[in-house]
Amino acid sequence: MSQEFKHITVLLNEAVEALVQDASGFYVDGTFGRGGHSALVLDQLAEDGQLMGIDKDPTAIAHAHERFADEDRFSIAHGSFAQLQEFVTERGLQGQVDGILLDLGVSSPQLDDASRGFSFLNDGPLDMRMDTSSGESAADWIARAEEKEIADVIYTYGEERFSRRMAKEIVAKREEEPITTTAQLSKIIAEANPAWEKGKNPATRAFQGIRIHINRELEDLESCLDQALEMLKVGGRLVVISFHSLEDRIVKRFIRQHVKGDEHIPRGIPVTNDMLKIRLKNVGKAVKASASETEENVRARSAVMRVAEKVA
């Protein structure tokens, strides 16, 4: 029997409260995970309400079929939320979505299961793919990527200042033997890191950067946000929970862009909202997890939730 890994849903009540405004509406949980948000959304929906989940992870898809096997209001799509428009259009509901929820980052079961290759704490195969059925694993990428590419990924996505030293060491070590496990990579990175931060594993930033690159997380997020704007109905809500600054920066910039509208109109010219092409309005301020939630779940410390509503 496979081990079951627990997942604590972050900002559960806050996200669903912001998302569900019409109990008879159609909603999308773009990051199903283990279904924490989806379960509460379904609790809020009327008999004619509908929820579609999306997830890259085949394990999450299997869990969805098992958990909601008898739930007629629920459906699940295997793929990236960057395929949002495709999945919504298949259901003939483009421009009619009442709410879209994105809970970004890696789920606890993915992090805790050493066989997935996300963790530098537990040894396992160096995979890191959220969708294990397709794409290139971290081990395959590290085996072929040039030193500069490895350094750029670790620096850009991991925000690691010692990325060049780490990349140089990775390339040197792979000449001696293939780097195929998380323990190998973690050790190489730790030895190449001259300034360990107190309370932070020296491989943290590099692993984050490689994971983001392997899964195209930021590219998929930007694509999904653009599609979400078109898939939502007027009055529909976009709710996004981010876990690091790169994600939150993208979400914040996207919302701000469509709240302000066209900034290229010359000053002094009287304009209407239609002329400005304002598409969104902010709903409240950014929300962070409470002290009690972060005490219960340390991974909630970095969570930031932003909510916007489509106005045109």
C-alpha atoms as a PDB file:
ATOM      1  CA  MET A   1       0.000   0.000   0.000  1.00  0.00           C
ATOM      2  CA  SER A   2       1.369   3.412  -0.926  1.00  0.00           C
ATOM      3  CA  GLN A   3       2.080   5.879   1.847  1.00  0.00           C
ATOM      4  CA  GLU A   4      -0.506   8.641   2.273  1.00  0.00           C
ATOM      5  CA  PHE A   5       0.958  12.103   2.743  1.00  0.00           C
ATOM      6  CA  LYS A   6      -1.070  14.711   4.580  1.00  0.00           C
ATOM      7  CA  HIS A   7      -1.812  18.082   3.008  1.00  0.00           C
ATOM      8  CA  ILE A   8      -3.062  21.085   4.968  1.00  0.00           C
ATOM      9  CA  THR A   9      -4.848  23.551   2.690  1.00  0.00           C
ATOM     10  CA  VAL A  10      -3.580  27.111   3.161  1.00  0.00           C
ATOM     11  CA  LEU A  11      -6.030  30.036   3.501  1.00  0.00           C
ATOM     12  CA  LEU A  12      -8.890  27.617   2.951  1.00  0.00           C
ATOM     13  CA  ASN A  13     -11.825  29.602   4.301  1.00  0.00           C
ATOM     14  CA  GLU A  14     -10.529  32.959   3.106  1.00  0.00           C
ATOM     15  CA  ALA A  15     -10.036  31.735  -0.465  1.00  0.00           C
ATOM     16  CA  VAL A  16     -13.411  30.031  -0.816  1.00  0.00           C
ATOM     17  CA  GLU A  17     -15.254  32.949   0.786  1.00  0.00           C
ATOM     18  CA  ALA A  18     -13.672  35.313  -1.739  1.00  0.00           C
ATOM     19  CA  LEU A  19     -14.263  32.944  -4.653  1.00  0.00           C
ATOM     20  CA  VAL A  20     -17.876  31.781  -4.368  1.00  0.00           C
ATOM     21  CA  GLN A  21     -20.317  34.630  -4.944  1.00  0.00           C
ATOM     22  CA  ASP A  22     -23.045  32.671  -6.753  1.00  0.00           C
ATOM     23  CA  ALA A  23     -23.973  29.248  -5.380  1.00  0.00           C
ATOM     24  CA  SER A  24     -25.320  28.236  -8.796  1.00  0.00           C
ATOM     25  CA  GLY A  25     -22.190  29.300 -10.670  1.00  0.00           C
ATOM     26  CA  PHE A  26     -19.403  27.476 -12.494  1.00  0.00           C
ATOM     27  CA  TYR A  27     -15.999  27.520 -10.783  1.00  0.00           C
ATOM     28  CA  VAL A  28     -12.503  26.303 -11.574  1.00  0.00           C
ATOM     29  CA  ASP A  29      -9.964  25.024  -9.048  1.00  0.00           C
ATOM     30  CA  GLY A  30      -6.858  25.286 -11.220  1.00  0.00           C
ATOM     31  CA  THR A  31      -4.636  23.510  -8.699  1.00  0.00           C
ATOM     32  CA  PHE A  32      -6.692  20.646  -7.291  1.00  0.00           C
ATOM     33  CA  GLY A  33      -3.908  19.068  -5.201  1.00  0.00           C
ATOM     34  CA  ARG A  34      -5.684  16.939  -2.625  1.00  0.00           C
ATOM     35  CA  GLY A  35      -9.004  18.724  -2.985  1.00  0.00           C
ATOM     36  CA  GLY A  36      -9.087  20.844   0.149  1.00  0.00           C
ATOM     37  CA  HIS A  37     -10.332  23.980  -1.573  1.00  0.00           C
ATOM     38  CA  SER A  38     -12.546  21.979  -3.946  1.00  0.00           C
ATOM     39  CA  ALA A  39     -14.325  20.217  -1.084  1.00  0.00           C
ATOM     40  CA  LEU A  40     -15.233  23.504   0.598  1.00  0.00           C
ATOM     41  CA  VAL A  41     -16.291  25.077  -2.715  1.00  0.00           C
ATOM     42  CA  LEU A  42     -18.662  22.155  -3.291  1.00  0.00           C
ATOM     43  CA  ASP A  43     -20.065  22.660   0.216  1.00  0.00           C
ATOM     44  CA  GLN A  44     -20.961  26.224  -0.794  1.00  0.00           C
ATOM     45  CA  LEU A  45     -22.561  25.340  -4.139  1.00  0.00           C
ATOM     46  CA  ALA A  46     -26.228  24.686  -4.822  1.00  0.00           C
ATOM     47  CA  GLU A  47     -27.421  21.567  -6.648  1.00  0.00           C
ATOM     48  CA  ASP A  48     -26.989  23.285 -10.009  1.00  0.00           C
ATOM     49  CA  GLY A  49     -23.536  24.670  -9.230  1.00  0.00           C
ATOM     50  CA  GLN A  50     -20.492  23.183 -10.986  1.00  0.00           C
ATOM     51  CA  LEU A  51     -16.799  22.874 -10.178  1.00  0.00           C
ATOM     52  CA  MET A  52     -13.982  21.797 -12.487  1.00  0.00           C
ATOM     53  CA  GLY A  53     -10.624  20.843 -11.022  1.00  0.00           C
ATOM     54  CA  ILE A  54      -7.339  20.891 -12.925  1.00  0.00           C
ATOM     55  CA  ASP A  55      -4.042  19.284 -11.938  1.00  0.00           C
ATOM     56  CA  LYS A  56      -0.816  18.194 -13.619  1.00  0.00           C
ATOM     57  CA  ASP A  57      -0.158  15.428 -11.115  1.00  0.00           C
ATOM     58  CA  PRO A  58      -1.552  11.975 -12.038  1.00  0.00           C
ATOM     59  CA  THR A  59      -1.677  11.144  -8.316  1.00  0.00           C
ATOM     60  CA  ALA A  60      -3.918  14.159  -7.702  1.00  0.00           C
ATOM     61  CA  ILE A  61      -6.177  13.100 -10.575  1.00  0.00           C
ATOM     62  CA  ALA A  62      -6.531   9.610  -9.102  1.00  0.00           C
ATOM     63  CA  HIS A  63      -7.309  11.141  -5.700  1.00  0.00           C
ATOM     64  CA  ALA A  64      -9.966  13.388  -7.260  1.00  0.00           C
ATOM     65  CA  HIS A  65     -11.718  10.439  -8.920  1.00  0.00           C
ATOM     66  CA  GLU A  66     -11.715   8.568  -5.613  1.00  0.00           C
ATOM     67  CA  ARG A  67     -12.711  11.447  -3.334  1.00  0.00           C
ATOM     68  CA  PHE A  68     -15.486  12.844  -5.522  1.00  0.00           C
ATOM     69  CA  ALA A  69     -16.605   9.688  -7.304  1.00  0.00           C
ATOM     70  CA  ASP A  70     -20.243  10.298  -6.362  1.00  0.00           C
ATOM     71  CA  GLU A  71     -20.220  14.080  -6.869  1.00  0.00           C
ATOM     72  CA  ASP A  72     -22.086  14.977 -10.072  1.00  0.00           C
ATOM     73  CA  ARG A  73     -21.255  18.666  -9.716  1.00  0.00           C
ATOM     74  CA  PHE A  74     -17.513  17.981  -9.992  1.00  0.00           C
ATOM     75  CA  SER A  75     -15.217  17.139 -12.907  1.00  0.00           C
ATOM     76  CA  ILE A  76     -11.430  16.908 -13.156  1.00  0.00           C
ATOM     77  CA  ALA A  77      -9.054  17.649 -16.047  1.00  0.00           C
ATOM     78  CA  HIS A  78      -5.498  16.305 -16.227  1.00  0.00           C
ATOM     79  CA  GLY A  79      -3.112  19.017 -17.359  1.00  0.00           C
ATOM     80  CA  SER A  80      -1.720  22.431 -16.562  1.00  0.00           C
ATOM     81  CA  PHE A  81      -3.816  25.437 -15.616  1.00  0.00           C
ATOM     82  CA  ALA A  82      -2.120  26.977 -18.651  1.00  0.00           C
ATOM     83  CA  GLN A  83      -4.691  24.893 -20.574  1.00  0.00           C
ATOM     84  CA  LEU A  84      -7.535  26.713 -18.808  1.00  0.00           C
ATOM     85  CA  GLN A  85      -9.097  28.069 -21.988  1.00  0.00           C
ATOM     86  CA  GLU A  86      -8.973  24.646 -23.643  1.00  0.00           C
ATOM     87  CA  PHE A  87     -10.671  22.899 -20.716  1.00  0.00           C
ATOM     88  CA  VAL A  88     -13.337  25.594 -20.261  1.00  0.00           C
ATOM     89  CA  THR A  89     -14.046  25.753 -23.998  1.00  0.00           C
ATOM     90  CA  GLU A  90     -14.509  21.969 -24.118  1.00  0.00           C
ATOM     91  CA  ARG A  91     -17.419  22.541 -21.733  1.00  0.00           C
ATOM     92  CA  GLY A  92     -18.792  25.435 -23.800  1.00  0.00           C
ATOM     93  CA  LEU A  93     -18.422  27.872 -20.909  1.00  0.00           C
ATOM     94  CA  GLN A  94     -15.891  30.403 -22.164  1.00  0.00           C
ATOM     95  CA  GLY A  95     -16.680  33.823 -20.730  1.00  0.00           C
ATOM     96  CA  GLN A  96     -19.122  32.272 -18.265  1.00  0.00           C
ATOM     97  CA  VAL A  97     -16.839  31.228 -15.390  1.00  0.00           C
ATOM     98  CA  ASP A  98     -17.886  32.628 -12.006  1.00  0.00           C
ATOM     99  CA  GLY A  99     -14.554  32.115 -10.283  1.00  0.00           C
ATOM    100  CA  ILE A 100     -11.054  30.764 -10.790  1.00  0.00           C
ATOM    101  CA  LEU A 101      -8.817  29.684  -7.899  1.00  0.00           C
ATOM    102  CA  LEU A 102      -5.061  29.115  -8.172  1.00  0.00           C
ATOM    103  CA  ASP A 103      -3.144  27.780  -5.161  1.00  0.00           C
ATOM    104  CA  LEU A 104       0.424  27.938  -6.480  1.00  0.00           C
ATOM    105  CA  GLY A 105       3.580  26.083  -5.601  1.00  0.00           C
ATOM    106  CA  VAL A 106       4.126  22.454  -4.638  1.00  0.00           C
ATOM    107  CA  SER A 107       1.657  20.537  -2.493  1.00  0.00           C
ATOM    108  CA  SER A 108       2.756  18.937   0.774  1.00  0.00           C
ATOM    109  CA  PRO A 109       2.334  15.366  -0.554  1.00  0.00           C
ATOM    110  CA  GLN A 110       4.655  16.198  -3.453  1.00  0.00           C
ATOM    111  CA  LEU A 111       7.264  17.675  -1.109  1.00  0.00           C
ATOM    112  CA  ASP A 112       6.998  14.930   1.497  1.00  0.00           C
ATOM    113  CA  ASP A 113       7.119  11.988  -0.912  1.00  0.00           C
ATOM    114  CA  ALA A 114      10.837  11.387  -1.522  1.00  0.00           C
ATOM    115  CA  SER A 115      10.078   9.433  -4.689  1.00  0.00           C
ATOM    116  CA  ARG A 116       8.888  12.652  -6.380  1.00  0.00           C
ATOM    117  CA  GLY A 117      12.329  14.249  -6.142  1.00  0.00           C
ATOM    118  CA  PHE A 118      11.284  17.660  -4.833  1.00  0.00           C
ATOM    119  CA  SER A 119      12.878  17.390  -1.415  1.00  0.00           C
ATOM    120  CA  PHE A 120      16.499  17.996  -0.464  1.00  0.00           C
ATOM    121  CA  LEU A 121      15.788  16.547   2.997  1.00  0.00           C
ATOM    122  CA  ASN A 122      14.868  13.009   1.928  1.00  0.00           C
ATOM    123  CA  ASP A 123      16.825  11.098  -0.698  1.00  0.00           C
ATOM    124  CA  GLY A 124      14.967  10.037  -3.816  1.00  0.00           C
ATOM    125  CA  PRO A 125      15.195  10.014  -7.603  1.00  0.00           C
ATOM    126  CA  LEU A 126      15.910  13.474  -9.004  1.00  0.00           C
ATOM    127  CA  ASP A 127      12.622  13.972 -10.849  1.00  0.00           C
ATOM    128  CA  MET A 128      10.789  17.182  -9.744  1.00  0.00           C
ATOM    129  CA  ARG A 129       8.074  16.883 -12.406  1.00  0.00           C
ATOM    130  CA  MET A 130       4.567  17.665 -11.209  1.00  0.00           C
ATOM    131  CA  ASP A 131       3.304  15.648 -14.181  1.00  0.00           C
ATOM    132  CA  THR A 132       5.325  12.449 -14.017  1.00  0.00           C
ATOM    133  CA  SER A 133       3.717  11.212 -17.234  1.00  0.00           C
ATOM    134  CA  SER A 134       5.433  13.747 -19.491  1.00  0.00           C
ATOM    135  CA  GLY A 135       8.302  16.165 -19.852  1.00  0.00           C
ATOM    136  CA  GLU A 136      11.955  16.169 -18.829  1.00  0.00           C
ATOM    137  CA  SER A 137      13.039  15.231 -15.320  1.00  0.00           C
ATOM    138  CA  ALA A 138      15.482  17.339 -13.319  1.00  0.00           C
ATOM    139  CA  ALA A 139      18.090  14.577 -13.655  1.00  0.00           C
ATOM    140  CA  ASP A 140      17.757  14.570 -17.445  1.00  0.00           C
ATOM    141  CA  TRP A 141      17.990  18.363 -17.611  1.00  0.00           C
ATOM    142  CA  ILE A 142      21.033  18.525 -15.328  1.00  0.00           C
ATOM    143  CA  ALA A 143      22.722  15.852 -17.429  1.00  0.00           C
ATOM    144  CA  ARG A 144      22.458  17.889 -20.643  1.00  0.00           C
ATOM    145  CA  ALA A 145      22.208  21.589 -19.725  1.00  0.00           C
ATOM    146  CA  GLU A 146      25.179  23.883 -20.207  1.00  0.00           C
ATOM    147  CA  GLU A 147      26.778  25.452 -17.155  1.00  0.00           C
ATOM    148  CA  LYS A 148      25.460  28.936 -18.017  1.00  0.00           C
ATOM    149  CA  GLU A 149      21.885  27.668 -18.367  1.00  0.00           C
ATOM    150  CA  ILE A 150      22.044  25.921 -14.989  1.00  0.00           C
ATOM    151  CA  ALA A 151      23.449  29.065 -13.375  1.00  0.00           C
ATOM    152  CA  ASP A 152      20.803  31.271 -14.981  1.00  0.00           C
ATOM    153  CA  VAL A 153      17.959  29.011 -13.820  1.00  0.00           C
ATOM    154  CA  ILE A 154      19.219  28.839 -10.236  1.00  0.00           C
ATOM    155  CA  TYR A 155      19.780  32.610 -10.160  1.00  0.00           C
ATOM    156  CA  THR A 156      16.577  33.708 -11.915  1.00  0.00           C
ATOM    157  CA  TYR A 157      14.078  31.278 -10.401  1.00  0.00           C
ATOM    158  CA  GLY A 158      15.869  30.440  -7.150  1.00  0.00           C
ATOM    159  CA  GLU A 159      17.178  33.961  -6.497  1.00  0.00           C
ATOM    160  CA  GLU A 160      20.431  32.281  -5.431  1.00  0.00           C
ATOM    161  CA  ARG A 161      23.456  34.605  -5.440  1.00  0.00           C
ATOM    162  CA  PHE A 162      25.938  31.732  -5.580  1.00  0.00           C
ATOM    163  CA  SER A 163      24.336  30.203  -8.661  1.00  0.00           C
ATOM    164  CA  ARG A 164      27.516  30.328 -10.775  1.00  0.00           C
ATOM    165  CA  ARG A 165      29.561  28.465  -8.187  1.00  0.00           C
ATOM    166  CA  MET A 166      26.810  25.871  -7.846  1.00  0.00           C
ATOM    167  CA  ALA A 167      26.455  25.392 -11.603  1.00  0.00           C
ATOM    168  CA  LYS A 168      30.218  25.012 -12.021  1.00  0.00           C
ATOM    169  CA  GLU A 169      30.309  22.343  -9.317  1.00  0.00           C
ATOM    170  CA  ILE A 170      27.302  20.510 -10.779  1.00  0.00           C
ATOM    171  CA  VAL A 171      28.968  20.321 -14.200  1.00  0.00           C
ATOM    172  CA  ALA A 172      32.253  19.138 -12.653  1.00  0.00           C
ATOM    173  CA  LYS A 173      30.587  16.429 -10.565  1.00  0.00           C
ATOM    174  CA  ARG A 174      28.440  15.112 -13.425  1.00  0.00           C
ATOM    175  CA  GLU A 175      31.658  14.362 -15.316  1.00  0.00           C
ATOM    176  CA  GLU A 176      32.586  11.981 -12.500  1.00  0.00           C
ATOM    177  CA  GLU A 177      29.195  10.247 -12.271  1.00  0.00           C
ATOM    178  CA  PRO A 178      25.557  10.914 -13.289  1.00  0.00           C
ATOM    179  CA  ILE A 179      23.599  13.065 -10.833  1.00  0.00           C
ATOM    180  CA  THR A 180      20.411  11.055 -10.386  1.00  0.00           C
ATOM    181  CA  THR A 181      19.306  11.541  -6.767  1.00  0.00           C
ATOM    182  CA  THR A 182      18.242  14.465  -4.605  1.00  0.00           C
ATOM    183  CA  ALA A 183      20.906  13.592  -2.018  1.00  0.00           C
ATOM    184  CA  GLN A 184      23.656  13.861  -4.643  1.00  0.00           C
ATOM    185  CA  LEU A 185      22.461  17.224  -5.882  1.00  0.00           C
ATOM    186  CA  SER A 186      21.832  18.594  -2.394  1.00  0.00           C
ATOM    187  CA  LYS A 187      25.361  17.664  -1.292  1.00  0.00           C
ATOM    188  CA  ILE A 188      26.953  19.234  -4.371  1.00  0.00           C
ATOM    189  CA  ILE A 189      25.010  22.474  -3.907  1.00  0.00           C
ATOM    190  CA  ALA A 190      25.680  22.631  -0.166  1.00  0.00           C
ATOM    191  CA  GLU A 191      29.412  22.242  -0.717  1.00  0.00           C
ATOM    192  CA  ALA A 192      29.334  25.005  -3.343  1.00  0.00           C
ATOM    193  CA  ASN A 193      27.458  27.403  -1.036  1.00  0.00           C
ATOM    194  CA  PRO A 194      30.001  29.427   0.997  1.00  0.00           C
ATOM    195  CA  ALA A 195      27.456  31.270   3.149  1.00  0.00           C
ATOM    196  CA  TRP A 196      24.794  29.075   4.728  1.00  0.00           C
ATOM    197  CA  GLU A 197      21.809  31.027   6.031  1.00  0.00           C
ATOM    198  CA  LYS A 198      20.757  30.289   9.582  1.00  0.00           C
ATOM    199  CA  GLY A 199      17.640  28.133   9.653  1.00  0.00           C
ATOM    200  CA  LYS A 200      17.662  27.531   5.868  1.00  0.00           C
ATOM    201  CA  ASN A 201      19.015  24.481   4.075  1.00  0.00           C
ATOM    202  CA  PRO A 202      21.801  25.602   1.691  1.00  0.00           C
ATOM    203  CA  ALA A 203      20.082  23.808  -1.201  1.00  0.00           C
ATOM    204  CA  THR A 204      16.706  25.509  -0.716  1.00  0.00           C
ATOM    205  CA  ARG A 205      16.968  28.233  -3.348  1.00  0.00           C
ATOM    206  CA  ALA A 206      18.673  26.081  -5.977  1.00  0.00           C
ATOM    207  CA  PHE A 207      16.079  23.311  -5.659  1.00  0.00           C
ATOM    208  CA  GLN A 208      13.316  25.903  -5.960  1.00  0.00           C
ATOM    209  CA  GLY A 209      14.853  27.348  -9.104  1.00  0.00           C
ATOM    210  CA  ILE A 210      15.300  23.978 -10.792  1.00  0.00           C
ATOM    211  CA  ARG A 211      11.770  22.893  -9.861  1.00  0.00           C
ATOM    212  CA  ILE A 212      10.222  26.073 -11.250  1.00  0.00           C
ATOM    213  CA  HIS A 213      12.167  25.644 -14.484  1.00  0.00           C
ATOM    214  CA  ILE A 214      11.332  21.954 -14.934  1.00  0.00           C
ATOM    215  CA  ASN A 215       7.616  22.610 -14.482  1.00  0.00           C
ATOM    216  CA  ARG A 216       7.464  25.939 -16.364  1.00  0.00           C
ATOM    217  CA  GLU A 217       5.660  27.325 -13.330  1.00  0.00           C
ATOM    218  CA  LEU A 218       6.031  31.029 -14.030  1.00  0.00           C
ATOM    219  CA  GLU A 219       5.373  30.753 -17.768  1.00  0.00           C
ATOM    220  CA  ASP A 220       2.262  28.681 -17.061  1.00  0.00           C
ATOM    221  CA  LEU A 221       1.091  31.220 -14.473  1.00  0.00           C
ATOM    222  CA  GLU A 222       1.408  34.149 -16.880  1.00  0.00           C
ATOM    223  CA  SER A 223      -0.439  32.207 -19.580  1.00  0.00           C
ATOM    224  CA  CYS A 224      -3.195  31.160 -17.187  1.00  0.00           C
ATOM    225  CA  LEU A 225      -3.780  34.701 -15.916  1.00  0.00           C
ATOM    226  CA  ASP A 226      -4.249  36.002 -19.462  1.00  0.00           C
ATOM    227  CA  GLN A 227      -6.695  33.189 -20.214  1.00  0.00           C
ATOM    228  CA  ALA A 228      -8.536  33.660 -16.919  1.00  0.00           C
ATOM    229  CA  LEU A 229      -9.396  37.232 -17.844  1.00  0.00           C
ATOM    230  CA  GLU A 230     -11.178  35.993 -20.961  1.00  0.00           C
ATOM    231  CA  MET A 231     -12.813  32.937 -19.378  1.00  0.00           C
ATOM    232  CA  LEU A 232     -14.352  34.837 -16.448  1.00  0.00           C
ATOM    233  CA  LYS A 233     -17.784  36.441 -16.756  1.00  0.00           C
ATOM    234  CA  VAL A 234     -18.234  40.061 -15.679  1.00  0.00           C
ATOM    235  CA  GLY A 235     -18.458  39.874 -11.887  1.00  0.00           C
ATOM    236  CA  GLY A 236     -16.383  36.681 -11.817  1.00  0.00           C
ATOM    237  CA  ARG A 237     -13.565  36.414  -9.294  1.00  0.00           C
ATOM    238  CA  LEU A 238      -9.883  35.514  -9.671  1.00  0.00           C
ATOM    239  CA  VAL A 239      -8.308  34.251  -6.443  1.00  0.00           C
ATOM    240  CA  VAL A 240      -4.582  33.480  -6.389  1.00  0.00           C
ATOM    241  CA  ILE A 241      -2.478  32.211  -3.484  1.00  0.00           C
ATOM    242  CA  SER A 242       1.283  32.631  -4.000  1.00  0.00           C
ATOM    243  CA  PHE A 243       4.119  31.215  -1.937  1.00  0.00           C
ATOM    244  CA  HIS A 244       7.160  33.134  -3.091  1.00  0.00           C
ATOM    245  CA  SER A 245       7.976  36.579  -4.379  1.00  0.00           C
ATOM    246  CA  LEU A 246       8.375  35.613  -8.045  1.00  0.00           C
ATOM    247  CA  GLU A 247       4.818  34.270  -8.246  1.00  0.00           C
ATOM    248  CA  ASP A 248       3.314  37.098  -6.232  1.00  0.00           C
ATOM    249  CA  ARG A 249       5.104  39.699  -8.341  1.00  0.00           C
ATOM    250  CA  ILE A 250       3.539  38.278 -11.511  1.00  0.00           C
ATOM    251  CA  VAL A 251       0.049  38.181  -9.970  1.00  0.00           C
ATOM    252  CA  LYS A 252       0.334  41.664  -8.466  1.00  0.00           C
ATOM    253  CA  ARG A 253       1.596  43.137 -11.743  1.00  0.00           C
ATOM    254  CA  PHE A 254      -1.153  41.432 -13.763  1.00  0.00           C
ATOM    255  CA  ILE A 255      -3.948  42.672 -11.505  1.00  0.00           C
ATOM    256  CA  ARG A 256      -2.502  46.193 -11.314  1.00  0.00           C
ATOM    257  CA  GLN A 257      -2.197  46.361 -15.110  1.00  0.00           C
ATOM    258  CA  HIS A 258      -5.865  45.546 -15.634  1.00  0.00           C
ATOM    259  CA  VAL A 259      -7.090  47.665 -12.722  1.00  0.00           C
ATOM    260  CA  LYS A 260      -5.342  50.755 -14.099  1.00  0.00           C
ATOM    261  CA  GLY A 261      -6.057  50.050 -17.753  1.00  0.00           C
ATOM    262  CA  ASP A 262      -4.304  51.812 -20.624  1.00  0.00           C
ATOM    263  CA  GLU A 263      -1.601  54.046 -19.153  1.00  0.00           C
ATOM    264  CA  HIS A 264      -0.516  55.407 -22.539  1.00  0.00           C
ATOM    265  CA  ILE A 265      -3.371  57.878 -22.953  1.00  0.00           C
ATOM    266  CA  PRO A 266      -1.937  61.425 -22.756  1.00  0.00           C
ATOM    267  CA  ARG A 267      -2.582  63.342 -19.552  1.00  0.00           C
ATOM    268  CA  GLY A 268      -5.275  65.991 -19.572  1.00  0.00           C
ATOM    269  CA  ILE A 269      -7.542  64.189 -22.007  1.00  0.00           C
ATOM    270  CA  PRO A 270     -10.944  63.331 -20.464  1.00  0.00           C
ATOM    271  CA  VAL A 271     -11.469  59.588 -20.713  1.00  0.00           C
ATOM    272  CA  THR A 272     -14.036  57.022 -19.640  1.00  0.00           C
ATOM    273  CA  ASN A 273     -13.355  53.601 -18.129  1.00  0.00           C
ATOM    274  CA  ASP A 274     -14.200  52.072 -21.500  1.00  0.00           C
ATOM    275  CA  MET A 275     -11.474  54.108 -23.138  1.00  0.00           C
ATOM    276  CA  LEU A 276      -9.002  53.086 -20.447  1.00  0.00           C
ATOM    277  CA  LYS A 277      -9.918  49.422 -21.028  1.00  0.00           C
ATOM    278  CA  ILE A 278     -10.124  48.690 -17.309  1.00  0.00           C
ATOM    279  CA  ARG A 279     -10.871  44.971 -16.932  1.00  0.00           C
ATOM    280  CA  LEU A 280     -10.444  44.240 -13.209  1.00  0.00           C
ATOM    281  CA  LYS A 281     -10.962  45.741  -9.793  1.00  0.00           C
ATOM    282  CA  ASN A 282      -9.154  44.767  -6.614  1.00  0.00           C
ATOM    283  CA  VAL A 283     -11.219  43.001  -3.961  1.00  0.00           C
ATOM    284  CA  GLY A 284      -9.718  43.949  -0.616  1.00  0.00           C
ATOM    285  CA  LYS A 285      -6.026  43.960   0.188  1.00  0.00           C
ATOM    286  CA  ALA A 286      -3.527  41.130  -0.024  1.00  0.00           C
ATOM    287  CA  VAL A 287      -4.300  38.500   2.635  1.00  0.00           C
ATOM    288  CA  LYS A 288      -1.725  36.531   4.612  1.00  0.00           C
ATOM    289  CA  ALA A 289      -2.197  33.505   6.841  1.00  0.00           C
ATOM    290  CA  SER A 290      -3.054  34.186  10.469  1.00  0.00           C
ATOM    291  CA  ALA A 291      -0.631  33.541  13.306  1.00  0.00           C
ATOM    292  CA  SER A 292      -2.645  30.499  14.381  1.00  0.00           C
ATOM    293  CA  GLU A 293      -2.549  29.044  10.860  1.00  0.00           C
ATOM    294  CA  THR A 294       1.189  29.532  10.468  1.00  0.00           C
ATOM    295  CA  GLU A 295       1.714  27.938  13.864  1.00  0.00           C
ATOM    296  CA  GLU A 296      -0.210  24.877  12.698  1.00  0.00           C
ATOM    297  CA  ASN A 297       1.299  24.816   9.204  1.00  0.00           C
ATOM    298  CA  VAL A 298       4.773  26.304   8.738  1.00  0.00           C
ATOM    299  CA  ARG A 299       4.349  26.318   4.950  1.00  0.00           C
ATOM    300  CA  ALA A 300       1.620  28.950   5.314  1.00  0.00           C
ATOM    301  CA  ARG A 301       4.122  31.583   6.470  1.00  0.00           C
ATOM    302  CA  SER A 302       4.932  32.810   2.975  1.00  0.00           C
ATOM    303  CA  ALA A 303       1.401  32.574   1.542  1.00  0.00           C
ATOM    304  CA  VAL A 304      -0.127  35.723   0.002  1.00  0.00           C
ATOM    305  CA  MET A 305      -3.663  35.747  -1.421  1.00  0.00           C
ATOM    306  CA  ARG A 306      -4.822  38.338  -3.951  1.00  0.00           C
ATOM    307  CA  VAL A 307      -8.377  38.693  -5.231  1.00  0.00           C
ATOM    308  CA  ALA A 308      -9.668  40.565  -8.271  1.00  0.00           C
ATOM    309  CA  GLU A 309     -13.077  40.831  -9.940  1.00  0.00           C
ATOM    310  CA  LYS A 310     -13.709  41.195 -13.648  1.00  0.00           C
ATOM    311  CA  VAL A 311     -15.522  44.422 -14.492  1.00  0.00           C
ATOM    312  CA  ALA A 312     -15.393  44.356 -18.300  1.00  0.00           C
END
